[in-house]
Amino acid sequence: QLQLVESGGGLVQPGGSLRLSCAASGFTLDYYAIGWFRQAPGKEREGVACISRSDRNIYYVDSVKGRFTISRDNAKNTVYLQMNSLKPEDTAAYYCAARSGGYYTCSGGGDWYDFWGQGTQVTGSS
């Protein structure tokens, strides 16, 4: 069974950091492009970052540029989202998604991906 499992969410103060993990089971992540998305209550899902299979194409939404970093560790079959300088508006459920192929491309659009994880909650405290 192909499965993505997110972890690493939690409660964090403004300016703090978290590292989210997206671990794959049942398949090899290095054959997939991976995207990170988030959805806050009452808001639409937003593409946060993505990384192509070759790592040559990396995308960030403007609101996280310079603060978030997406990376993959194929030996651990895991993609990470390092989040620094967190803001209250980063509060959301965060999801990773995968699409096979995507050697040179990835997308900030959710419809492009084949399957999704269950999500992990990031909550900024005030």
Protein backbone atom coordinates (compact mmCIF):
# COMPACT_ATOMS: atom_id res chain seq x y z
CA GLN A 1 0.00 0.00 0.00
CA LEU A 2 1.36 3.40 -1.00
CA GLN A 3 1.36 5.70 1.98
CA LEU A 4 2.71 9.09 3.04
CA VAL A 5 2.97 9.90 6.74
CA GLU A 6 3.62 13.42 7.96
CA SER A 7 5.09 14.22 11.36
CA GLY A 8 6.82 17.02 13.20
CA GLY A 9 3.98 19.42 13.73
CA GLY A 10 3.28 21.09 17.04
CA LEU A 11 2.83 24.30 18.96
CA VAL A 12 5.46 26.93 18.32
CA GLN A 13 6.01 30.53 19.35
CA PRO A 14 6.46 33.27 16.74
CA GLY A 15 9.98 33.21 15.43
CA GLY A 16 10.41 29.56 16.27
CA SER A 17 11.24 26.62 14.03
CA LEU A 18 9.83 23.23 13.18
CA ARG A 19 10.88 20.52 10.78
CA LEU A 20 8.11 18.54 9.17
CA SER A 21 8.78 15.09 7.77
CA CYS A 22 6.96 13.25 5.01
CA ALA A 23 7.89 9.58 5.11
CA ALA A 24 6.94 7.20 2.35
CA SER A 25 6.05 3.56 2.75
CA GLY A 26 5.30 1.06 0.05
CA PHE A 27 7.21 2.97 -2.58
CA THR A 28 10.49 4.77 -3.24
CA LEU A 29 10.24 8.52 -2.86
CA ASP A 30 13.07 9.34 -5.23
CA TYR A 31 10.82 8.37 -8.16
CA TYR A 32 8.29 11.02 -7.15
CA ALA A 33 7.89 14.78 -7.10
CA ILE A 34 6.69 15.93 -3.69
CA GLY A 35 4.65 18.91 -2.63
CA TRP A 36 3.84 20.42 0.74
CA PHE A 37 0.46 22.08 1.21
CA ARG A 38 -1.36 23.70 4.08
CA GLN A 39 -4.92 24.51 4.95
CA ALA A 40 -6.01 26.84 7.71
CA PRO A 41 -9.58 26.79 9.09
CA GLY A 42 -11.93 28.58 6.74
CA LYS A 43 -9.29 29.00 4.06
CA GLU A 44 -8.49 27.22 0.83
CA ARG A 45 -5.64 24.77 0.54
CA GLU A 46 -2.39 26.49 -0.39
CA GLY A 47 0.69 25.06 -2.05
CA VAL A 48 3.66 25.89 0.18
CA ALA A 49 6.62 24.22 -1.50
CA CYS A 50 7.48 21.44 -3.89
CA ILE A 51 10.53 19.58 -5.12
CA SER A 52 10.93 17.72 -8.36
CA ARG A 53 12.23 14.19 -8.53
CA SER A 54 15.63 15.43 -9.72
CA ASP A 55 15.73 18.23 -7.11
CA ARG A 56 16.36 20.62 -10.01
CA ASN A 57 13.04 22.38 -9.65
CA ILE A 58 12.04 23.72 -6.26
CA TYR A 59 9.10 26.03 -5.71
CA TYR A 60 8.04 28.15 -2.74
CA VAL A 61 4.98 30.29 -2.33
CA ASP A 62 6.01 33.91 -1.83
CA SER A 63 4.86 34.04 1.78
CA VAL A 64 7.42 31.43 2.89
CA LYS A 65 10.41 32.28 0.69
CA GLY A 66 13.52 32.75 2.78
CA ARG A 67 11.91 31.03 5.77
CA PHE A 68 11.04 27.50 4.61
CA THR A 69 13.29 24.94 2.95
CA ILE A 70 12.17 21.74 1.26
CA SER A 71 14.63 18.88 0.91
CA ARG A 72 14.68 15.14 0.45
CA ASP A 73 16.75 12.33 1.92
CA ASN A 74 16.32 9.41 -0.41
CA ALA A 75 18.25 7.09 1.89
CA LYS A 76 15.58 7.68 4.54
CA ASN A 77 12.75 7.78 1.98
CA THR A 78 11.68 11.08 3.49
CA VAL A 79 11.07 14.66 2.38
CA TYR A 80 11.43 17.48 4.87
CA LEU A 81 10.03 20.96 5.25
CA GLN A 82 12.24 23.07 7.50
CA MET A 83 10.23 26.02 8.76
CA ASN A 84 12.04 28.92 10.41
CA SER A 85 10.89 32.32 11.64
CA LEU A 86 7.38 31.00 12.02
CA LYS A 87 4.51 33.45 12.08
CA PRO A 88 1.00 33.10 13.48
CA GLU A 89 -0.31 33.05 9.91
CA ASP A 90 1.64 29.83 9.30
CA THR A 91 -0.85 28.06 11.54
CA ALA A 92 -2.48 25.31 9.49
CA ALA A 93 -2.70 21.61 8.85
CA TYR A 94 0.23 20.67 6.65
CA TYR A 95 0.05 17.88 4.09
CA CYS A 96 2.52 16.30 1.73
CA ALA A 97 1.57 14.87 -1.64
CA ALA A 98 3.34 12.78 -4.26
CA ARG A 99 3.27 12.38 -8.00
CA SER A 100 5.19 9.74 -9.93
CA GLY A 101 7.59 11.00 -12.56
CA GLY A 102 8.01 14.74 -12.35
CA TYR A 103 11.74 14.46 -12.98
CA TYR A 104 12.16 18.12 -13.84
CA THR A 105 8.91 19.55 -12.57
CA CYS A 106 6.72 19.92 -9.56
CA SER A 107 3.61 21.96 -8.94
CA GLY A 108 2.05 24.16 -6.33
CA GLY A 109 -1.35 22.98 -7.48
CA GLY A 110 -2.89 20.15 -5.52
CA ASP A 111 -4.69 18.55 -8.44
CA TRP A 112 -1.35 17.63 -10.02
CA TYR A 113 -0.54 15.07 -7.34
CA ASP A 114 -1.48 11.40 -7.20
CA PHE A 115 -1.95 10.82 -3.46
CA TRP A 116 -1.71 12.53 -0.10
CA GLY A 117 -0.77 12.03 3.50
CA GLN A 118 -3.09 12.58 6.45
CA GLY A 119 -1.47 15.80 7.62
CA THR A 120 0.19 17.26 10.69
CA GLN A 121 -0.95 20.32 12.60
CA VAL A 122 1.24 23.39 13.06
CA THR A 123 -0.07 25.92 15.54
CA GLY A 124 1.56 29.25 16.24
CA SER A 125 1.06 30.56 19.74
CA SER A 126 0.63 34.26 20.36
